[in-house]
C-alpha atoms as a PDB file:
ATOM      1  CA  MET A   1      45.082 120.663 154.927  1.00  0.00           C
ATOM      2  CA  ASP A   2      43.704 118.771 157.219  1.00  0.00           C
ATOM      3  CA  LEU A   3      46.537 115.833 158.561  1.00  0.00           C
ATOM      4  CA  ALA A   4      44.094 112.966 158.452  1.00  0.00           C
ATOM      5  CA  ILE A   5      43.804 113.441 154.856  1.00  0.00           C
ATOM      6  CA  GLN A   6      45.833 114.053 153.855  1.00  0.00           C
ATOM      7  CA  LEU A   7      47.524 110.823 155.487  1.00  0.00           C
ATOM      8  CA  GLU A   8      44.717 108.858 153.732  1.00  0.00           C
ATOM      9  CA  GLN A   9      45.766 109.835 150.575  1.00  0.00           C
ATOM     10  CA  GLU A  10      49.985 108.558 150.967  1.00  0.00           C
ATOM     11  CA  MET A  11      48.127 105.371 152.222  1.00  0.00           C
ATOM     12  CA  ALA A  12      45.836 104.913 149.029  1.00  0.00           C
ATOM     13  CA  LEU A  13      48.885 105.831 146.784  1.00  0.00           C
ATOM     14  CA  ARG A  14      50.198 102.616 147.947  1.00  0.00           C
ATOM     15  CA  VAL A  15      47.369 100.742 147.607  1.00  0.00           C
ATOM     16  CA  GLN A  16      47.684 101.499 144.137  1.00  0.00           C
ATOM     17  CA  THR A  17      50.849  99.852 144.143  1.00  0.00           C
ATOM     18  CA  VAL A  18      50.530  97.287 145.376  1.00  0.00           C
ATOM     19  CA  ASN A  19      47.338  96.869 143.751  1.00  0.00           C
ATOM     20  CA  GLN A  20      49.153  97.098 141.082  1.00  0.00           C
ATOM     21  CA  PHE A  21      52.339  94.751 141.397  1.00  0.00           C
ATOM     22  CA  VAL A  22      49.256  91.846 143.264  1.00  0.00           C
ATOM     23  CA  GLU A  23      48.154  92.218 138.839  1.00  0.00           C
ATOM     24  CA  LYS A  24      51.049  92.914 136.911  1.00  0.00           C
ATOM     25  CA  TYR A  25      53.118  89.350 138.270  1.00  0.00           C
ATOM     26  CA  LEU A  26      49.407  87.612 138.478  1.00  0.00           C
ATOM     27  CA  SER A  27      48.902  88.127 134.526  1.00  0.00           C
ATOM     28  CA  ASP A  28      51.767  87.775 133.255  1.00  0.00           C
ATOM     29  CA  MET A  29      53.093  84.135 135.217  1.00  0.00           C
ATOM     30  CA  ASP A  30      55.237  82.058 132.390  1.00  0.00           C
ATOM     31  CA  LEU A  31      52.063  78.699 132.929  1.00  0.00           C
ATOM     32  CA  PRO A  32      51.570  75.359 130.983  1.00  0.00           C
ATOM     33  CA  LYS A  33      48.852  76.293 127.748  1.00  0.00           C
ATOM     34  CA  GLY A  34      45.302  74.985 129.129  1.00  0.00           C
ATOM     35  CA  GLN A  35      41.907  75.325 129.511  1.00  0.00           C
ATOM     36  CA  ALA A  36      42.181  74.626 133.532  1.00  0.00           C
ATOM     37  CA  ILE A  37      45.412  76.625 134.321  1.00  0.00           C
ATOM     38  CA  ALA A  38      43.474  78.824 132.678  1.00  0.00           C
ATOM     39  CA  GLU A  39      40.934  78.960 135.148  1.00  0.00           C
ATOM     40  CA  LEU A  40      42.810  78.889 137.371  1.00  0.00           C
ATOM     41  CA  ARG A  41      44.996  81.652 137.093  1.00  0.00           C
ATOM     42  CA  LYS A  42      41.270  83.495 136.101  1.00  0.00           C
ATOM     43  CA  SER A  43      40.491  82.602 140.112  1.00  0.00           C
ATOM     44  CA  MET A  44      43.445  83.048 141.810  1.00  0.00           C
ATOM     45  CA  LEU A  45      43.328  87.309 140.082  1.00  0.00           C
ATOM     46  CA  TYR A  46      39.716  87.410 141.612  1.00  0.00           C
ATOM     47  CA  SER A  47      40.510  86.605 145.038  1.00  0.00           C
ATOM     48  CA  ALA A  48      43.798  88.670 144.456  1.00  0.00           C
ATOM     49  CA  THR A  49      42.541  91.704 143.072  1.00  0.00           C
ATOM     50  CA  ASN A  50      38.894  91.909 145.220  1.00  0.00           C
ATOM     51  CA  GLY A  51      39.391  95.220 146.882  1.00  0.00           C
ATOM     52  CA  GLY A  52      40.915  95.291 149.978  1.00  0.00           C
ATOM     53  CA  LYS A  53      42.231  97.693 152.171  1.00  0.00           C
ATOM     54  CA  ARG A  54      45.764  96.137 150.911  1.00  0.00           C
ATOM     55  CA  PHE A  55      46.892  96.193 155.747  1.00  0.00           C
ATOM     56  CA  ARG A  56      50.045  93.969 155.324  1.00  0.00           C
ATOM     57  CA  PRO A  57      52.008  94.932 152.332  1.00  0.00           C
ATOM     58  CA  VAL A  58      51.547  98.649 153.251  1.00  0.00           C
ATOM     59  CA  LEU A  59      52.750  97.739 155.838  1.00  0.00           C
ATOM     60  CA  SER A  60      55.374  96.801 155.273  1.00  0.00           C
ATOM     61  CA  LEU A  61      56.013  99.700 151.885  1.00  0.00           C
ATOM     62  CA  LEU A  62      56.161 102.091 155.264  1.00  0.00           C
ATOM     63  CA  VAL A  63      58.251  99.546 157.556  1.00  0.00           C
ATOM     64  CA  ALA A  64      60.802 100.027 154.323  1.00  0.00           C
ATOM     65  CA  GLU A  65      60.403 103.571 153.893  1.00  0.00           C
ATOM     66  CA  LEU A  66      61.190 104.364 157.968  1.00  0.00           C
ATOM     67  CA  PHE A  67      64.749 103.167 156.945  1.00  0.00           C
ATOM     68  CA  ASN A  68      64.733 104.859 153.352  1.00  0.00           C
ATOM     69  CA  CYS A  69      65.344 101.676 151.418  1.00  0.00           C
ATOM     70  CA  PRO A  70      63.106 101.802 147.988  1.00  0.00           C
ATOM     71  CA  VAL A  71      59.784 100.423 147.379  1.00  0.00           C
ATOM     72  CA  GLN A  72      60.500  98.046 144.471  1.00  0.00           C
ATOM     73  CA  LYS A  73      62.626  95.850 146.770  1.00  0.00           C
ATOM     74  CA  VAL A  74      60.485  94.845 149.587  1.00  0.00           C
ATOM     75  CA  LEU A  75      57.463  95.024 147.143  1.00  0.00           C
ATOM     76  CA  PRO A  76      58.716  90.932 145.913  1.00  0.00           C
ATOM     77  CA  PHE A  77      58.612  90.767 150.046  1.00  0.00           C
ATOM     78  CA  ALA A  78      54.722  92.072 150.785  1.00  0.00           C
ATOM     79  CA  THR A  79      53.074  90.418 147.751  1.00  0.00           C
ATOM     80  CA  ALA A  80      54.501  87.587 149.140  1.00  0.00           C
ATOM     81  CA  VAL A  81      52.425  87.659 152.597  1.00  0.00           C
ATOM     82  CA  GLU A  82      49.295  89.109 151.286  1.00  0.00           C
ATOM     83  CA  PHE A  83      49.086  85.770 149.122  1.00  0.00           C
ATOM     84  CA  ILE A  84      49.354  84.037 151.566  1.00  0.00           C
ATOM     85  CA  HIS A  85      45.908  85.739 153.189  1.00  0.00           C
ATOM     86  CA  THR A  86      45.039  85.664 150.292  1.00  0.00           C
ATOM     87  CA  TYR A  87      44.733  81.411 149.956  1.00  0.00           C
ATOM     88  CA  SER A  88      43.602  81.733 154.089  1.00  0.00           C
ATOM     89  CA  LEU A  89      40.795  83.844 152.945  1.00  0.00           C
ATOM     90  CA  ILE A  90      39.573  81.919 150.141  1.00  0.00           C
ATOM     91  CA  HIS A  91      39.606  78.612 152.659  1.00  0.00           C
ATOM     92  CA  ASP A  92      37.944  80.370 155.179  1.00  0.00           C
ATOM     93  CA  ASP A  93      35.448  80.807 153.426  1.00  0.00           C
ATOM     94  CA  LEU A  94      34.828  77.467 152.399  1.00  0.00           C
ATOM     95  CA  PRO A  95      32.156  75.335 153.505  1.00  0.00           C
ATOM     96  CA  CYS A  96      34.005  72.799 155.579  1.00  0.00           C
ATOM     97  CA  MET A  97      35.456  76.114 157.634  1.00  0.00           C
ATOM     98  CA  ASP A  98      33.375  79.446 158.327  1.00  0.00           C
ATOM     99  CA  ASN A  99      31.131  78.524 154.699  1.00  0.00           C
ATOM    100  CA  ASP A 100      30.400  82.289 153.366  1.00  0.00           C
ATOM    101  CA  ASP A 101      29.351  83.163 150.351  1.00  0.00           C
ATOM    102  CA  ILE A 102      29.952  86.966 149.818  1.00  0.00           C
ATOM    103  CA  ARG A 103      33.334  88.104 151.080  1.00  0.00           C
ATOM    104  CA  ARG A 104      33.621  91.417 150.250  1.00  0.00           C
ATOM    105  CA  GLY A 105      30.580  92.336 148.815  1.00  0.00           C
ATOM    106  CA  LYS A 106      30.934  89.989 146.325  1.00  0.00           C
ATOM    107  CA  PRO A 107      30.819  85.825 145.700  1.00  0.00           C
ATOM    108  CA  THR A 108      33.831  84.111 147.513  1.00  0.00           C
ATOM    109  CA  ASN A 109      35.692  82.658 145.417  1.00  0.00           C
ATOM    110  CA  HIS A 110      33.874  78.605 145.518  1.00  0.00           C
ATOM    111  CA  LYS A 111      31.207  80.363 144.874  1.00  0.00           C
ATOM    112  CA  VAL A 112      31.985  81.152 141.590  1.00  0.00           C
ATOM    113  CA  PHE A 113      34.256  78.688 140.579  1.00  0.00           C
ATOM    114  CA  GLY A 114      33.511  76.010 142.847  1.00  0.00           C
ATOM    115  CA  GLU A 115      34.838  74.180 145.659  1.00  0.00           C
ATOM    116  CA  ASP A 116      37.300  72.524 143.527  1.00  0.00           C
ATOM    117  CA  PHE A 117      39.387  75.395 142.326  1.00  0.00           C
ATOM    118  CA  ALA A 118      38.982  77.725 144.979  1.00  0.00           C
ATOM    119  CA  LEU A 119      40.615  75.056 147.618  1.00  0.00           C
ATOM    120  CA  LEU A 120      43.685  74.828 144.263  1.00  0.00           C
ATOM    121  CA  ALA A 121      43.572  78.540 144.165  1.00  0.00           C
ATOM    122  CA  GLY A 122      44.365  79.138 147.891  1.00  0.00           C
ATOM    123  CA  ASP A 123      47.135  76.079 146.978  1.00  0.00           C
ATOM    124  CA  ALA A 124      48.744  77.722 144.607  1.00  0.00           C
ATOM    125  CA  LEU A 125      48.303  81.197 145.925  1.00  0.00           C
ATOM    126  CA  LEU A 126      50.540  79.232 149.507  1.00  0.00           C
ATOM    127  CA  THR A 127      53.284  78.334 146.720  1.00  0.00           C
ATOM    128  CA  GLU A 128      53.050  81.502 144.396  1.00  0.00           C
ATOM    129  CA  ALA A 129      53.654  83.234 147.843  1.00  0.00           C
ATOM    130  CA  PHE A 130      57.182  81.549 147.956  1.00  0.00           C
ATOM    131  CA  MET A 131      58.406  81.983 144.220  1.00  0.00           C
ATOM    132  CA  LEU A 132      58.232  85.764 144.984  1.00  0.00           C
ATOM    133  CA  LEU A 133      61.232  85.061 147.576  1.00  0.00           C
ATOM    134  CA  ALA A 134      62.972  82.972 145.008  1.00  0.00           C
ATOM    135  CA  LYS A 135      62.999  85.162 142.219  1.00  0.00           C
ATOM    136  CA  ASN A 136      63.877  88.487 144.001  1.00  0.00           C
ATOM    137  CA  TYR A 137      65.977  86.922 147.704  1.00  0.00           C
ATOM    138  CA  SER A 138      68.391  84.523 145.808  1.00  0.00           C
ATOM    139  CA  ASP A 139      70.833  87.093 145.627  1.00  0.00           C
ATOM    140  CA  SER A 140      71.424  86.672 149.205  1.00  0.00           C
ATOM    141  CA  GLY A 141      72.061  83.881 150.856  1.00  0.00           C
ATOM    142  CA  PHE A 142      71.538  84.933 154.497  1.00  0.00           C
ATOM    143  CA  LEU A 143      67.667  86.905 153.106  1.00  0.00           C
ATOM    144  CA  ILE A 144      66.389  83.714 150.931  1.00  0.00           C
ATOM    145  CA  GLY A 145      66.930  82.119 154.232  1.00  0.00           C
ATOM    146  CA  ARG A 146      65.558  84.787 157.062  1.00  0.00           C
ATOM    147  CA  LEU A 147      61.927  85.624 154.973  1.00  0.00           C
ATOM    148  CA  THR A 148      62.343  81.579 154.043  1.00  0.00           C
ATOM    149  CA  GLU A 149      61.876  81.526 157.482  1.00  0.00           C
ATOM    150  CA  LEU A 150      59.957  84.511 158.894  1.00  0.00           C
ATOM    151  CA  LEU A 151      57.117  83.679 156.445  1.00  0.00           C
ATOM    152  CA  SER A 152      56.533  79.798 157.191  1.00  0.00           C
ATOM    153  CA  ASP A 153      56.850  80.460 160.508  1.00  0.00           C
ATOM    154  CA  ALA A 154      54.006  82.746 160.548  1.00  0.00           C
ATOM    155  CA  ALA A 155      52.404  81.290 158.647  1.00  0.00           C
ATOM    156  CA  GLY A 156      52.321  77.904 159.324  1.00  0.00           C
ATOM    157  CA  LEU A 157      51.482  75.651 162.542  1.00  0.00           C
ATOM    158  CA  ARG A 158      53.714  78.375 164.726  1.00  0.00           C
ATOM    159  CA  GLY A 159      50.543  81.376 163.273  1.00  0.00           C
ATOM    160  CA  MET A 160      48.232  81.489 161.240  1.00  0.00           C
ATOM    161  CA  VAL A 161      47.268  77.297 160.742  1.00  0.00           C
ATOM    162  CA  GLY A 162      47.951  77.301 164.676  1.00  0.00           C
ATOM    163  CA  GLY A 163      45.651  79.631 165.313  1.00  0.00           C
ATOM    164  CA  GLN A 164      43.099  78.621 162.779  1.00  0.00           C
ATOM    165  CA  ALA A 165      42.698  75.314 164.864  1.00  0.00           C
ATOM    166  CA  ILE A 166      42.586  77.080 167.935  1.00  0.00           C
ATOM    167  CA  ASP A 167      39.979  78.828 166.762  1.00  0.00           C
ATOM    168  CA  LEU A 168      38.329  75.948 164.921  1.00  0.00           C
ATOM    169  CA  ARG A 169      39.389  73.184 168.336  1.00  0.00           C
ATOM    170  CA  ALA A 170      37.930  75.163 170.907  1.00  0.00           C
ATOM    171  CA  GLY A 171      34.422  76.378 169.426  1.00  0.00           C
ATOM    172  CA  HIS A 172      32.007  77.702 172.417  1.00  0.00           C
ATOM    173  CA  LYS A 173      34.181  77.371 174.911  1.00  0.00           C
ATOM    174  CA  PRO A 174      35.170  79.698 177.078  1.00  0.00           C
ATOM    175  CA  MET A 175      38.748  81.833 177.243  1.00  0.00           C
ATOM    176  CA  SER A 176      40.017  83.125 178.959  1.00  0.00           C
ATOM    177  CA  LEU A 177      41.813  87.000 177.947  1.00  0.00           C
ATOM    178  CA  GLU A 178      44.977  84.536 177.942  1.00  0.00           C
ATOM    179  CA  GLU A 179      43.479  82.244 175.557  1.00  0.00           C
ATOM    180  CA  LEU A 180      41.517  84.976 173.061  1.00  0.00           C
ATOM    181  CA  THR A 181      44.522  87.072 173.410  1.00  0.00           C
ATOM    182  CA  HIS A 182      46.966  83.929 172.526  1.00  0.00           C
ATOM    183  CA  LEU A 183      45.357  82.607 169.789  1.00  0.00           C
ATOM    184  CA  HIS A 184      44.703  86.650 167.925  1.00  0.00           C
ATOM    185  CA  ARG A 185      48.067  87.136 167.965  1.00  0.00           C
ATOM    186  CA  LEU A 186      48.446  83.695 166.100  1.00  0.00           C
ATOM    187  CA  LYS A 187      46.167  84.011 163.387  1.00  0.00           C
ATOM    188  CA  THR A 188      45.612  86.934 162.859  1.00  0.00           C
ATOM    189  CA  GLY A 189      49.062  89.589 164.206  1.00  0.00           C
ATOM    190  CA  ALA A 190      51.706  86.539 162.959  1.00  0.00           C
ATOM    191  CA  LEU A 191      51.272  87.618 159.181  1.00  0.00           C
ATOM    192  CA  ILE A 192      51.139  91.712 160.459  1.00  0.00           C
ATOM    193  CA  ARG A 193      54.282  90.802 162.332  1.00  0.00           C
ATOM    194  CA  LEU A 194      55.569  89.557 159.697  1.00  0.00           C
ATOM    195  CA  SER A 195      55.244  91.750 157.492  1.00  0.00           C
ATOM    196  CA  VAL A 196      57.090  93.955 159.614  1.00  0.00           C
ATOM    197  CA  GLU A 197      59.309  91.760 160.421  1.00  0.00           C
ATOM    198  CA  GLY A 198      60.134  91.158 156.599  1.00  0.00           C
ATOM    199  CA  ALA A 199      60.533  94.685 155.441  1.00  0.00           C
ATOM    200  CA  ALA A 200      62.854  95.988 158.239  1.00  0.00           C
ATOM    201  CA  THR A 201      64.862  93.282 157.415  1.00  0.00           C
ATOM    202  CA  ILE A 202      65.267  94.113 153.499  1.00  0.00           C
ATOM    203  CA  ALA A 203      65.813  96.954 155.062  1.00  0.00           C
ATOM    204  CA  GLY A 204      69.198  96.883 156.614  1.00  0.00           C
ATOM    205  CA  ALA A 205      67.919  98.001 160.276  1.00  0.00           C
ATOM    206  CA  LYS A 206      69.100  97.114 163.080  1.00  0.00           C
ATOM    207  CA  PRO A 207      68.773  93.579 165.298  1.00  0.00           C
ATOM    208  CA  SER A 208      67.761  95.764 168.504  1.00  0.00           C
ATOM    209  CA  GLU A 209      64.647  97.824 165.194  1.00  0.00           C
ATOM    210  CA  ILE A 210      63.713  94.182 164.422  1.00  0.00           C
ATOM    211  CA  GLU A 211      63.217  93.383 167.782  1.00  0.00           C
ATOM    212  CA  SER A 212      61.268  96.800 168.177  1.00  0.00           C
ATOM    213  CA  LEU A 213      59.789  96.532 165.735  1.00  0.00           C
ATOM    214  CA  LYS A 214      59.039  92.994 165.646  1.00  0.00           C
ATOM    215  CA  LYS A 215      56.194  93.876 168.992  1.00  0.00           C
ATOM    216  CA  PHE A 216      55.326  97.293 167.033  1.00  0.00           C
ATOM    217  CA  GLY A 217      54.032  94.978 164.580  1.00  0.00           C
ATOM    218  CA  GLU A 218      52.284  92.690 167.337  1.00  0.00           C
ATOM    219  CA  GLY A 219      50.363  94.444 169.196  1.00  0.00           C
ATOM    220  CA  LEU A 220      49.500  96.438 166.696  1.00  0.00           C
ATOM    221  CA  GLY A 221      48.078  93.347 164.402  1.00  0.00           C
ATOM    222  CA  LEU A 222      45.862  92.873 168.341  1.00  0.00           C
ATOM    223  CA  ALA A 223      44.991  95.986 169.109  1.00  0.00           C
ATOM    224  CA  PHE A 224      42.954  96.132 165.259  1.00  0.00           C
ATOM    225  CA  GLN A 225      41.493  92.647 166.769  1.00  0.00           C
ATOM    226  CA  VAL A 226      39.440  94.558 169.401  1.00  0.00           C
ATOM    227  CA  ALA A 227      39.137  97.236 167.990  1.00  0.00           C
ATOM    228  CA  ASP A 228      36.614  94.536 165.428  1.00  0.00           C
ATOM    229  CA  ASP A 229      35.365  93.945 168.499  1.00  0.00           C
ATOM    230  CA  VAL A 230      34.190  97.052 170.052  1.00  0.00           C
ATOM    231  CA  LEU A 231      32.783  98.236 166.543  1.00  0.00           C
ATOM    232  CA  ASP A 232      30.576  94.466 166.759  1.00  0.00           C
ATOM    233  CA  HIS A 233      29.614  95.108 169.898  1.00  0.00           C
ATOM    234  CA  GLY A 234      25.524  95.068 170.567  1.00  0.00           C
ATOM    235  CA  GLU A 235      25.857  93.989 166.763  1.00  0.00           C
ATOM    236  CA  LYS A 236      25.855  90.032 166.881  1.00  0.00           C
ATOM    237  CA  ASP A 237      25.797  88.057 170.639  1.00  0.00           C
ATOM    238  CA  GLN A 238      29.209  88.747 172.739  1.00  0.00           C
ATOM    239  CA  ASP A 239      30.256  85.285 174.007  1.00  0.00           C
ATOM    240  CA  VAL A 240      33.085  84.718 175.289  1.00  0.00           C
ATOM    241  CA  ARG A 241      35.129  83.767 172.344  1.00  0.00           C
ATOM    242  CA  SER A 242      35.501  88.222 171.194  1.00  0.00           C
ATOM    243  CA  PHE A 243      37.122  89.817 173.995  1.00  0.00           C
ATOM    244  CA  THR A 244      33.977  92.413 174.855  1.00  0.00           C
ATOM    245  CA  GLY A 245      32.161  89.401 176.229  1.00  0.00           C
ATOM    246  CA  ILE A 246      34.894  88.790 178.671  1.00  0.00           C
ATOM    247  CA  LEU A 247      35.960  92.414 179.322  1.00  0.00           C
ATOM    248  CA  GLY A 248      32.964  93.991 178.400  1.00  0.00           C
ATOM    249  CA  LEU A 249      32.590  97.106 176.056  1.00  0.00           C
ATOM    250  CA  ASP A 250      34.402  99.819 178.360  1.00  0.00           C
ATOM    251  CA  GLY A 251      36.883  97.446 179.867  1.00  0.00           C
ATOM    252  CA  THR A 252      38.117  96.169 175.493  1.00  0.00           C
ATOM    253  CA  LYS A 253      38.065  99.705 175.582  1.00  0.00           C
ATOM    254  CA  GLU A 254      40.502 100.584 178.079  1.00  0.00           C
ATOM    255  CA  TYR A 255      42.329  97.274 176.891  1.00  0.00           C
ATOM    256  CA  LEU A 256      42.251  98.872 173.350  1.00  0.00           C
ATOM    257  CA  GLN A 257      44.219 102.049 174.532  1.00  0.00           C
ATOM    258  CA  LYS A 258      46.335 100.072 176.701  1.00  0.00           C
ATOM    259  CA  ILE A 259      47.999  98.389 174.245  1.00  0.00           C
ATOM    260  CA  SER A 260      47.710 101.252 171.397  1.00  0.00           C
ATOM    261  CA  LYS A 261      50.163 102.947 173.700  1.00  0.00           C
ATOM    262  CA  GLU A 262      52.228 100.169 174.296  1.00  0.00           C
ATOM    263  CA  THR A 263      52.265 100.104 170.450  1.00  0.00           C
ATOM    264  CA  LEU A 264      53.895 103.364 169.712  1.00  0.00           C
ATOM    265  CA  ALA A 265      56.092 103.274 172.228  1.00  0.00           C
ATOM    266  CA  GLU A 266      58.121 100.534 170.888  1.00  0.00           C
ATOM    267  CA  LEU A 267      57.617 102.434 167.585  1.00  0.00           C
ATOM    268  CA  HIS A 268      59.330 105.410 168.904  1.00  0.00           C
ATOM    269  CA  LYS A 269      62.066 103.004 170.137  1.00  0.00           C
ATOM    270  CA  VAL A 270      62.678 102.990 165.969  1.00  0.00           C
ATOM    271  CA  SER A 271      61.958 106.493 164.597  1.00  0.00           C
ATOM    272  CA  ALA A 272      60.912 109.672 166.770  1.00  0.00           C
ATOM    273  CA  GLU A 273      58.676 110.534 164.002  1.00  0.00           C
ATOM    274  CA  ALA A 274      57.605 107.971 161.549  1.00  0.00           C
ATOM    275  CA  PRO A 275      53.660 109.915 160.816  1.00  0.00           C
ATOM    276  CA  MET A 276      52.135 107.324 158.702  1.00  0.00           C
ATOM    277  CA  LEU A 277      52.810 104.542 160.592  1.00  0.00           C
ATOM    278  CA  GLU A 278      51.460 106.562 164.288  1.00  0.00           C
ATOM    279  CA  TYR A 279      48.408 107.502 162.541  1.00  0.00           C
ATOM    280  CA  LEU A 280      47.359 103.591 161.614  1.00  0.00           C
ATOM    281  CA  ILE A 281      47.878 102.612 165.156  1.00  0.00           C
ATOM    282  CA  ASN A 282      46.101 106.482 165.923  1.00  0.00           C
ATOM    283  CA  PHE A 283      42.869 105.341 162.683  1.00  0.00           C
ATOM    284  CA  ASN A 284      42.499 101.887 164.568  1.00  0.00           C
ATOM    285  CA  GLN A 285      42.123 103.387 168.652  1.00  0.00           C
ATOM    286  CA  ASN A 286      39.352 105.719 167.125  1.00  0.00           C
ATOM    287  CA  ARG A 287      37.823 103.891 164.208  1.00  0.00           C
ATOM    288  CA  GLN A 288      34.211 104.408 163.126  1.00  0.00           C
ATOM    289  CA  VAL A 289      33.228 100.796 160.974  1.00  0.00           C
END
């Protein structure tokens, strides 16, 4: 069997594992009775189970496997990160933000449940992320404290939310390469870095290994955004808010190669053989869609 096909199948198995955990957790939550609560849970399920590549939680599982850590040990954390990501998508789609009608081929949450319940569904998913940590990692004072710190840092003002604020206030103002890179390291890259760093912490990795994997996650998150701009080139206006608008198509491809090479080097500081994680780097660098 072709190696790429085999790796794709392995990835699909991990996506299935995440999907099953997410749906079971949300369906089995012990909640107060009432039609409104039931509708809110339905709104949460609608977005949390609406397809998606599950890139962030799968990344956490792969890092855990790198250290022979049982998948079940890292799944609650991985799902917490995915809940944060899902809540951000629900809020991003709202009329006050990006005002999108379609997400992954289906009507966005607020188009189905209304703006008020979409807002609440995002709030509830954000809060439930911390419940997942509390329920599954409280036996270790250090671990629950560290994971809570990492999650708060990546999801809030210092990470994703801060990046979104920069993006909103920038408007159509020109950005330098440094400014655009900073924006995407926060807005998109922070949660990808979190997926790696948190899983490595749970798995008991050494501080030096965690530091290298943190840089790996940061590089991978940025590389995915750069690759997106390459793919979007020619399909939309490429202004100064994109890497291709700043560097041109060829320059952006060179930038992507540079980031990918550096990202791979950080991974190899931890393990000379990590085929699934290497596959993510190579796949991103060469993807066509």
